[in-house]
Amino acid sequence: MVSSQHRLSTQPAIRAYEAFSAPGFSFNSKLLNEAFGGTGLKRGFVSEICGAPGMGKTSLSLVLTANALLSGTKVLWIETCHPIPLSRLRTMLQSQVPSSQEEDNFSTLDEYLQLLDVYYAPSLANILVYLKTFDEDSNQDDIGLIIIDNLSMPIQLAFPTCPDDYAYLRQRRSTNSRKTSMESLGKENLDTTLEKEVTSKELIDPFSNSQTNLNKRKRVVGDISSMLSRISAAYQIAILVTTQMTSKVVSGMGAKLIPFLSTNWLDKVSSRLVLYSRHPMENDNLDGEFGSTINYQSLRYAYMAKQLPGTSVDSELLFYVTENGLMDCRSLPINNSQRRKRSLMETDL
């Protein structure tokens, strides 16, 4: 028997056709729109944008949110660790609202922002509960876009596998325990003997459960990807998930940055955009096009690690990140000099 988690809900054919044929949510970038299928982020699919902190993941999410709100579409923003920057969203909306439409419906910023719902999910349990009970929400039919901002953080904190995660969890647990005990006892001099015993026990072998946590993480990530895929297909919603990068030691290369979520997640994702920053090369020829006014700190590079069927963009995408969104620069061909040689362990020899 197929569980409800993996079963698609029935829906009228006309509704599915209208949602499928509807234009996607624009990135305000011709390069990114073409990379995601021609018109931007499409309904009925789960997409991912991953990159290191400061690479522009939130900026891209805000651009999509602003364009969806301007089209009259309801947006659900799920925040995990950082609140949604509403001031930046207001700036983007204000820059795109024509002054001649002030008396029309949905013309003011407050009316646009009424279409935005924000759900705070600081832990992985909050996300799982919300996704499993999504069908019970009476307003899910009106949602056209779901943004999950930084799914990496709750997953990493729920299943820690590195020293920084264990140290952060111990500090948070110690702070919460001390605060709760002082509030309940009302004493200034609190005996922390029990707390020290628990902490010292954890420090004996902090990585005893690392492999177990890694296996549990893979199973939970697979469940989340299945639920998101079912929701996007059943309700024809465009879902965008932003994630971080992590380091991995690769034979012949040393440490390198890779997407945080592994292959069991990528199987259910239709598109993956990887953002990064690097030093411009001579072949980029940016000085000849932009002159001395170019700001290299605002340049972002991107490539599609996975694309929709029928979409083939095999080049680096170069754009600016500004306060009001994005500005296209160009697409750069990925030549042979940028591709690394395989090590002996990666070959079939």
Protein backbone atom coordinates (compact mmCIF):
# COMPACT_ATOMS: atom_id res chain seq x y z
CA MET A 1 0.00 0.00 0.00
CA VAL A 2 1.33 3.41 -1.01
CA SER A 3 1.52 5.89 1.86
CA SER A 4 -0.11 9.30 1.58
CA GLN A 5 3.34 10.86 1.69
CA HIS A 6 4.17 9.41 -1.77
CA ARG A 7 0.67 9.52 -3.29
CA LEU A 8 -0.26 12.36 -5.64
CA SER A 9 -3.57 14.08 -4.94
CA THR A 10 -6.15 14.12 -7.70
CA GLN A 11 -6.92 17.44 -9.36
CA PRO A 12 -8.94 18.64 -12.35
CA ALA A 13 -7.12 18.32 -15.66
CA ILE A 14 -7.92 21.91 -16.63
CA ARG A 15 -6.26 23.19 -13.47
CA ALA A 16 -3.13 21.14 -14.09
CA TYR A 17 -2.97 22.34 -17.70
CA GLU A 18 -3.40 26.00 -16.75
CA ALA A 19 -0.69 25.75 -14.11
CA PHE A 20 1.68 23.92 -16.46
CA SER A 21 1.19 26.39 -19.31
CA ALA A 22 1.44 29.45 -17.03
CA PRO A 23 4.64 31.49 -17.32
CA GLY A 24 7.26 30.97 -14.65
CA PHE A 25 8.39 33.43 -12.02
CA SER A 26 11.10 35.64 -13.48
CA PHE A 27 14.57 36.22 -12.05
CA ASN A 28 14.75 39.57 -13.86
CA SER A 29 17.65 37.94 -15.68
CA LYS A 30 17.49 36.61 -19.22
CA LEU A 31 20.38 34.25 -18.52
CA LEU A 32 18.80 32.69 -15.43
CA ASN A 33 15.33 32.53 -16.98
CA GLU A 34 16.70 30.56 -19.92
CA ALA A 35 18.66 28.30 -17.60
CA PHE A 36 15.47 27.41 -15.70
CA GLY A 37 13.46 26.59 -18.80
CA GLY A 38 12.93 29.88 -20.63
CA THR A 39 10.50 31.83 -18.45
CA GLY A 40 12.04 31.44 -15.01
CA LEU A 41 11.03 29.23 -12.09
CA LYS A 42 8.26 26.91 -13.30
CA ARG A 43 5.28 25.64 -11.35
CA GLY A 44 5.11 21.97 -10.49
CA PHE A 45 8.85 21.55 -9.96
CA VAL A 46 11.31 21.69 -7.06
CA SER A 47 14.41 23.80 -7.69
CA GLU A 48 17.50 24.44 -5.60
CA ILE A 49 20.00 27.28 -5.35
CA CYS A 50 23.13 26.44 -3.39
CA GLY A 51 26.22 28.43 -2.59
CA ALA A 52 28.46 29.71 0.16
CA PRO A 53 27.27 32.55 2.44
CA GLY A 54 27.11 35.91 0.69
CA MET A 55 26.79 34.50 -2.84
CA GLY A 56 23.30 35.93 -3.46
CA LYS A 57 20.90 33.10 -2.65
CA THR A 58 18.59 35.36 -0.64
CA SER A 59 18.76 38.06 -3.33
CA LEU A 60 17.56 35.62 -5.98
CA SER A 61 14.79 34.42 -3.66
CA LEU A 62 13.66 38.00 -3.03
CA VAL A 63 13.56 38.74 -6.76
CA LEU A 64 11.33 35.72 -7.35
CA THR A 65 9.13 36.68 -4.40
CA ALA A 66 8.73 40.26 -5.62
CA ASN A 67 7.78 39.18 -9.14
CA ALA A 68 5.31 36.62 -7.80
CA LEU A 69 3.66 39.21 -5.53
CA LEU A 70 3.45 41.72 -8.38
CA SER A 71 1.63 39.14 -10.48
CA GLY A 72 -0.96 38.63 -7.73
CA THR A 73 0.38 35.23 -6.65
CA LYS A 74 0.43 34.15 -3.02
CA VAL A 75 3.92 33.33 -1.70
CA LEU A 76 4.91 31.23 1.31
CA TRP A 77 8.35 32.02 2.75
CA ILE A 78 9.71 29.44 5.23
CA GLU A 79 12.55 30.94 7.27
CA THR A 80 14.83 28.70 9.29
CA CYS A 81 17.56 30.80 10.92
CA HIS A 82 17.38 34.34 9.52
CA PRO A 83 14.21 36.45 9.17
CA ILE A 84 13.12 37.51 5.72
CA PRO A 85 14.61 40.94 4.87
CA LEU A 86 11.35 42.80 4.37
CA SER A 87 13.10 46.13 3.85
CA ARG A 88 14.91 44.77 0.80
CA LEU A 89 11.70 43.22 -0.47
CA ARG A 90 9.90 46.55 -0.13
CA THR A 91 12.70 48.25 -2.05
CA MET A 92 12.41 45.73 -4.88
CA LEU A 93 8.64 46.09 -5.01
CA GLN A 94 8.82 49.86 -4.96
CA SER A 95 11.33 49.92 -7.82
CA GLN A 96 9.02 47.85 -10.02
CA VAL A 97 5.64 49.43 -9.24
CA PRO A 98 4.85 52.17 -11.80
CA SER A 99 3.71 55.45 -10.30
CA SER A 100 0.75 55.52 -12.69
CA GLN A 101 -0.79 52.43 -11.05
CA GLU A 102 -1.23 53.87 -7.57
CA GLU A 103 -5.03 53.87 -7.84
CA ASP A 104 -5.33 50.37 -9.32
CA ASN A 105 -5.97 47.18 -7.37
CA PHE A 106 -2.90 45.75 -5.60
CA SER A 107 -1.06 48.97 -6.32
CA THR A 108 0.33 49.75 -2.89
CA LEU A 109 3.14 47.88 -1.22
CA ASP A 110 1.00 46.83 1.73
CA GLU A 111 -1.53 45.22 -0.57
CA TYR A 112 1.21 43.28 -2.31
CA LEU A 113 2.73 42.19 0.99
CA GLN A 114 -0.65 40.84 2.12
CA LEU A 115 -0.06 38.02 -0.37
CA LEU A 116 3.08 37.01 1.54
CA ASP A 117 2.91 34.44 4.34
CA VAL A 118 5.98 33.82 6.52
CA TYR A 119 6.37 30.58 8.46
CA TYR A 120 9.12 30.34 11.08
CA ALA A 121 10.66 26.86 11.27
CA PRO A 122 13.81 26.95 13.43
CA SER A 123 14.09 23.16 13.73
CA LEU A 124 13.81 20.23 11.38
CA ALA A 125 10.78 18.98 13.30
CA ASN A 126 8.88 22.17 12.46
CA ILE A 127 9.57 21.69 8.76
CA LEU A 128 8.57 18.01 8.77
CA VAL A 129 5.33 18.68 10.64
CA TYR A 130 4.37 21.51 8.31
CA LEU A 131 5.06 19.51 5.15
CA LYS A 132 3.20 16.46 6.42
CA THR A 133 0.15 18.56 7.34
CA PHE A 134 0.27 20.75 4.23
CA ASP A 135 -2.88 19.11 2.82
CA GLU A 136 -4.84 20.23 5.88
CA ASP A 137 -4.14 23.91 5.18
CA SER A 138 -7.27 25.49 3.76
CA ASN A 139 -5.29 28.15 1.89
CA GLN A 140 -2.86 25.87 0.06
CA ASP A 141 -4.80 26.21 -3.21
CA ASP A 142 -3.90 29.90 -3.42
CA ILE A 143 -0.14 29.40 -2.99
CA GLY A 144 1.89 29.67 -6.17
CA LEU A 145 5.45 29.90 -4.83
CA ILE A 146 7.18 28.41 -1.78
CA ILE A 147 10.62 29.60 -0.68
CA ILE A 148 12.54 27.54 1.90
CA ASP A 149 15.43 29.74 2.95
CA ASN A 150 18.51 27.78 4.09
CA LEU A 151 17.30 24.22 4.56
CA SER A 152 20.87 23.24 5.48
CA MET A 153 20.85 24.75 8.97
CA PRO A 154 18.00 22.75 10.61
CA ILE A 155 19.26 19.53 8.99
CA GLN A 156 22.81 20.09 10.21
CA LEU A 157 21.67 20.92 13.74
CA ALA A 158 19.35 17.92 13.88
CA PHE A 159 22.09 15.51 12.74
CA PRO A 160 25.48 17.05 13.65
CA THR A 161 28.55 15.45 12.10
CA CYS A 162 31.35 18.01 12.66
CA PRO A 163 32.99 19.58 15.76
CA ASP A 164 31.44 23.01 15.26
CA ASP A 165 27.93 21.55 15.29
CA TYR A 166 28.54 19.62 18.51
CA ALA A 167 30.07 22.67 20.19
CA TYR A 168 27.14 24.85 19.16
CA LEU A 169 24.59 22.31 20.39
CA ARG A 170 26.38 21.90 23.73
CA GLN A 171 26.51 25.65 24.21
CA ARG A 172 22.84 26.08 23.37
CA ARG A 173 21.81 23.15 25.58
CA SER A 174 23.93 24.47 28.47
CA THR A 175 22.51 27.98 28.14
CA ASN A 176 18.92 26.76 28.00
CA SER A 177 19.44 24.40 30.94
CA ARG A 178 21.01 27.10 33.10
CA LYS A 179 18.31 29.61 32.22
CA THR A 180 15.48 27.16 32.93
CA SER A 181 16.97 26.05 36.25
CA MET A 182 17.50 29.59 37.49
CA GLU A 183 13.97 30.56 36.56
CA SER A 184 12.48 27.56 38.34
CA LEU A 185 14.59 27.78 41.50
CA GLY A 186 14.92 31.55 41.66
CA LYS A 187 18.44 31.32 43.06
CA GLU A 188 21.47 33.32 42.07
CA ASN A 189 24.03 30.70 43.16
CA LEU A 190 23.06 27.64 41.15
CA ASP A 191 24.80 24.32 41.66
CA THR A 192 25.95 23.23 38.20
CA THR A 193 27.42 19.85 39.24
CA LEU A 194 24.86 17.84 37.29
CA GLU A 195 25.33 20.05 34.25
CA LYS A 196 29.11 19.54 34.35
CA GLU A 197 28.70 15.76 34.58
CA VAL A 198 26.50 15.67 31.50
CA THR A 199 28.84 17.92 29.56
CA SER A 200 31.93 15.90 30.45
CA LYS A 201 30.19 12.70 29.40
CA GLU A 202 29.44 14.20 26.01
CA LEU A 203 33.06 15.25 25.58
CA ILE A 204 34.42 11.70 26.01
CA ASP A 205 33.46 10.62 22.49
CA PRO A 206 31.72 13.47 20.67
CA PHE A 207 31.80 11.65 17.30
CA SER A 208 30.41 8.31 18.40
CA ASN A 209 27.15 8.97 16.57
CA SER A 210 28.53 10.78 13.53
CA GLN A 211 27.98 7.90 11.09
CA THR A 212 24.57 7.16 12.60
CA ASN A 213 23.57 10.79 12.24
CA LEU A 214 24.78 10.80 8.65
CA ASN A 215 22.62 7.78 7.79
CA LYS A 216 19.60 9.29 9.53
CA ARG A 217 20.18 12.56 7.71
CA LYS A 218 20.10 10.80 4.34
CA ARG A 219 16.79 9.15 5.15
CA VAL A 220 15.19 12.37 6.38
CA VAL A 221 16.48 14.34 3.39
CA GLY A 222 14.96 11.70 1.12
CA ASP A 223 11.61 12.05 2.92
CA ILE A 224 11.69 15.84 2.63
CA SER A 225 12.47 15.71 -1.09
CA SER A 226 9.61 13.25 -1.64
CA MET A 227 7.15 15.47 0.24
CA LEU A 228 8.23 18.59 -1.63
CA SER A 229 8.00 16.79 -4.96
CA ARG A 230 4.50 15.57 -4.14
CA ILE A 231 3.33 19.03 -3.01
CA SER A 232 4.73 20.78 -6.08
CA ALA A 233 3.15 18.28 -8.46
CA ALA A 234 -0.20 17.99 -6.67
CA TYR A 235 -0.83 21.72 -6.25
CA GLN A 236 1.26 22.98 -9.18
CA ILE A 237 3.44 25.12 -6.92
CA ALA A 238 6.92 26.35 -7.74
CA ILE A 239 9.21 25.40 -4.84
CA LEU A 240 12.66 26.94 -4.38
CA VAL A 241 15.05 25.66 -1.71
CA THR A 242 18.28 27.44 -0.83
CA THR A 243 21.12 25.44 0.72
CA GLN A 244 24.71 25.93 1.81
CA MET A 245 27.94 24.29 0.69
CA THR A 246 30.08 21.86 2.65
CA SER A 247 33.67 20.68 2.34
CA LYS A 248 34.73 17.23 1.20
CA VAL A 249 38.15 15.67 0.75
CA VAL A 250 38.45 14.27 -2.78
CA SER A 251 41.26 11.98 -3.85
CA GLY A 252 43.74 13.86 -6.00
CA MET A 253 42.22 17.26 -5.26
CA GLY A 254 42.22 17.71 -1.51
CA ALA A 255 39.37 19.63 0.12
CA LYS A 256 36.72 21.15 -2.13
CA LEU A 257 33.31 22.74 -1.70
CA ILE A 258 30.31 20.66 -2.72
CA PRO A 259 26.54 21.13 -2.26
CA PHE A 260 25.36 20.26 1.24
CA LEU A 261 22.58 17.91 0.12
CA SER A 262 23.66 14.69 -1.58
CA THR A 263 22.39 12.54 -4.45
CA ASN A 264 19.27 11.23 -2.71
CA TRP A 265 18.06 14.83 -2.64
CA LEU A 266 19.13 15.62 -6.18
CA ASP A 267 17.03 12.78 -7.61
CA LYS A 268 13.81 14.65 -6.75
CA VAL A 269 15.06 18.14 -7.70
CA SER A 270 14.42 19.33 -11.25
CA SER A 271 17.00 22.14 -11.31
CA ARG A 272 20.08 23.01 -9.26
CA LEU A 273 21.91 26.33 -9.60
CA VAL A 274 25.34 26.63 -7.96
CA LEU A 275 26.53 30.15 -7.08
CA TYR A 276 30.15 31.01 -6.47
CA SER A 277 32.72 33.77 -6.74
CA ARG A 278 36.16 33.59 -8.31
CA HIS A 279 38.91 35.81 -9.68
CA PRO A 280 38.22 36.84 -13.29
CA MET A 281 40.49 35.26 -15.88
CA GLU A 282 41.96 36.80 -18.99
CA ASN A 283 39.53 34.89 -21.19
CA ASP A 284 36.59 36.60 -19.44
CA ASN A 285 37.58 39.95 -21.02
CA LEU A 286 35.56 41.93 -18.50
CA ASP A 287 37.75 45.03 -18.60
CA GLY A 288 37.17 45.50 -22.30
CA GLU A 289 33.40 45.37 -21.89
CA PHE A 290 32.81 47.23 -18.63
CA GLY A 291 35.97 49.32 -18.37
CA SER A 292 37.28 50.52 -15.02
CA THR A 293 33.78 50.91 -13.52
CA ILE A 294 33.37 47.20 -12.85
CA ASN A 295 33.01 46.13 -9.21
CA TYR A 296 34.45 42.65 -8.92
CA GLN A 297 33.11 42.17 -5.39
CA SER A 298 29.53 42.28 -6.70
CA LEU A 299 30.18 39.80 -9.52
CA ARG A 300 28.69 36.35 -9.12
CA TYR A 301 29.27 33.27 -11.22
CA ALA A 302 26.82 30.41 -11.57
CA TYR A 303 26.30 27.19 -13.45
CA MET A 304 23.45 24.72 -13.73
CA ALA A 305 24.37 21.43 -12.05
CA LYS A 306 20.98 19.98 -13.07
CA GLN A 307 18.40 21.25 -15.55
CA LEU A 308 14.91 20.48 -16.76
CA PRO A 309 14.60 18.04 -19.67
CA GLY A 310 14.97 19.91 -22.94
CA THR A 311 17.09 22.66 -21.37
CA SER A 312 20.80 22.72 -22.10
CA VAL A 313 22.89 25.60 -20.74
CA ASP A 314 26.53 24.52 -20.63
CA SER A 315 28.20 27.79 -19.71
CA GLU A 316 29.05 30.00 -16.77
CA LEU A 317 26.47 32.67 -16.01
CA LEU A 318 27.88 36.00 -14.91
CA PHE A 319 25.75 38.70 -13.27
CA TYR A 320 25.76 41.53 -10.75
CA VAL A 321 23.98 41.43 -7.39
CA THR A 322 22.47 44.85 -6.62
CA GLU A 323 20.10 46.23 -4.00
CA ASN A 324 17.19 46.09 -6.45
CA GLY A 325 17.93 42.60 -7.73
CA LEU A 326 20.19 41.39 -10.51
CA MET A 327 21.86 42.73 -13.62
CA ASP A 328 22.98 40.43 -16.42
CA CYS A 329 26.55 40.54 -17.63
CA ARG A 330 27.17 37.64 -19.98
CA SER A 331 27.49 33.87 -20.27
CA LEU A 332 31.02 32.49 -20.44
CA PRO A 333 31.88 29.26 -22.25
CA ILE A 334 33.43 26.59 -20.08
CA ASN A 335 36.61 25.78 -21.98
CA ASN A 336 38.93 22.87 -21.50
CA SER A 337 41.40 24.92 -19.45
CA GLN A 338 38.78 25.32 -16.73
CA ARG A 339 38.09 21.61 -16.52
CA ARG A 340 40.40 19.69 -14.23
CA LYS A 341 42.10 16.41 -15.07
CA ARG A 342 40.73 13.29 -13.47
CA SER A 343 42.83 11.48 -10.94
CA LEU A 344 43.70 7.84 -11.41
CA MET A 345 41.16 6.81 -8.76
CA GLU A 346 38.35 8.46 -10.76
CA THR A 347 39.07 6.53 -13.94
CA ASP A 348 38.20 2.96 -14.90
CA LEU A 349 41.85 1.99 -15.39
